[in-house]
Amino acid sequence: MTTSPNRLCRWATALSVVALLSVAATQPMVAKAANGPMPCSAFQRTTYGGWRVLAPVTLDLGGRLYSPIVGTTFAAGATQHGIEMSDLLDQQCGNR
């Protein structure tokens, strides 16, 4: 019995998905950005109206997981994956 390249490719893809899901499950904080609690303690408002990431966090942005690097700054009005992060954080964490 021989294994076709397509079958090997499907197995490799499936294993990759499982590996990615297991890594995502070990992130320190997971939040639904649109319809769940935002981990506000992981962010700090900047002087110019943006937000800085203070701690490791994973956000579910419309079904896509996003893990910004600590130190990342979301400028006011800028979009990330089609979502205006500063506006979302203003709504969820208060316009401080």
Protein backbone atom coordinates (compact mmCIF):
# COMPACT_ATOMS: atom_id res chain seq x y z
CA MET A 1 0.00 0.00 0.00
CA THR A 2 1.44 3.35 -1.03
CA THR A 3 0.58 6.73 0.40
CA SER A 4 -0.27 9.47 -2.06
CA PRO A 5 1.29 12.94 -1.72
CA ASN A 6 -2.20 14.46 -1.31
CA ARG A 7 -2.93 12.20 1.65
CA LEU A 8 0.38 13.11 3.28
CA CYS A 9 -0.36 16.78 2.71
CA ARG A 10 -3.78 16.43 4.39
CA TRP A 11 -2.19 14.68 7.39
CA ALA A 12 0.48 17.38 7.67
CA THR A 13 -2.17 20.09 7.50
CA ALA A 14 -4.29 18.39 10.16
CA LEU A 15 -1.29 18.02 12.47
CA SER A 16 -0.39 21.68 11.94
CA VAL A 17 -3.90 22.78 12.87
CA VAL A 18 -3.83 20.66 16.03
CA ALA A 19 -0.44 22.11 16.97
CA LEU A 20 -1.62 25.69 16.42
CA LEU A 21 -4.77 25.13 18.45
CA SER A 22 -2.82 23.63 21.34
CA VAL A 23 -0.42 26.60 21.35
CA ALA A 24 -3.34 29.06 21.31
CA ALA A 25 -4.93 27.25 24.26
CA THR A 26 -1.85 27.87 26.43
CA GLN A 27 -1.85 31.66 26.06
CA PRO A 28 -2.18 33.49 29.42
CA MET A 29 -5.38 35.41 28.58
CA VAL A 30 -8.06 34.74 25.98
CA ALA A 31 -10.85 37.22 25.34
CA LYS A 32 -13.64 37.77 22.87
CA ALA A 33 -12.97 41.26 21.60
CA ALA A 34 -16.44 41.86 20.19
CA ASN A 35 -18.81 40.02 22.52
CA GLY A 36 -16.94 39.10 25.67
CA PRO A 37 -14.80 40.62 28.38
CA MET A 38 -11.66 42.39 27.28
CA PRO A 39 -8.62 41.78 29.54
CA CYS A 40 -8.20 45.51 30.21
CA SER A 41 -5.31 44.94 32.62
CA ALA A 42 -3.21 43.86 29.62
CA PHE A 43 -3.50 47.34 28.04
CA GLN A 44 -2.62 50.92 28.98
CA ARG A 45 -3.92 54.12 27.42
CA THR A 46 -1.21 56.27 25.78
CA THR A 47 -0.91 60.05 25.85
CA TYR A 48 -2.07 60.38 22.24
CA GLY A 49 -5.26 58.31 22.53
CA GLY A 50 -3.84 54.94 21.55
CA TRP A 51 -3.26 51.82 23.64
CA ARG A 52 -0.08 49.91 24.55
CA VAL A 53 0.02 46.15 25.19
CA LEU A 54 1.43 45.52 28.69
CA ALA A 55 1.03 41.75 29.05
CA PRO A 56 0.70 38.66 26.86
CA VAL A 57 -2.85 38.45 25.56
CA THR A 58 -4.77 36.58 22.87
CA LEU A 59 -7.83 38.21 21.35
CA ASP A 60 -10.55 36.54 19.34
CA LEU A 61 -11.25 39.04 16.58
CA GLY A 62 -14.22 37.73 14.66
CA GLY A 63 -13.10 34.13 14.93
CA ARG A 64 -9.42 34.90 14.23
CA LEU A 65 -6.97 34.71 17.11
CA TYR A 66 -4.58 37.63 17.41
CA SER A 67 -1.71 37.85 19.92
CA PRO A 68 -0.04 41.26 19.80
CA ILE A 69 3.52 41.43 21.11
CA VAL A 70 4.02 43.10 24.50
CA GLY A 71 5.02 46.70 23.82
CA THR A 72 2.88 47.01 20.68
CA THR A 73 1.05 50.33 20.46
CA PHE A 74 -2.31 50.69 18.73
CA ALA A 75 -2.48 54.28 17.49
CA ALA A 76 -5.83 56.04 17.72
CA GLY A 77 -7.81 55.33 14.55
CA ALA A 78 -5.47 52.61 13.25
CA THR A 79 -6.92 49.25 12.27
CA GLN A 80 -5.60 45.76 12.97
CA HIS A 81 -7.10 42.85 11.02
CA GLY A 82 -9.88 45.20 9.92
CA ILE A 83 -10.77 46.27 13.48
CA GLU A 84 -10.04 49.67 14.98
CA MET A 85 -8.31 48.45 18.14
CA SER A 86 -8.16 51.81 19.95
CA ASP A 87 -11.91 52.28 19.46
CA LEU A 88 -12.61 48.73 20.63
CA LEU A 89 -10.43 49.21 23.71
CA ASP A 90 -12.12 52.57 24.40
CA GLN A 91 -15.50 50.82 24.33
CA GLN A 92 -14.45 47.78 26.38
CA CYS A 93 -11.99 49.35 28.84
CA GLY A 94 -13.18 52.95 29.03
CA ASN A 95 -11.82 56.05 27.38
CA ARG A 96 -9.29 56.76 30.14
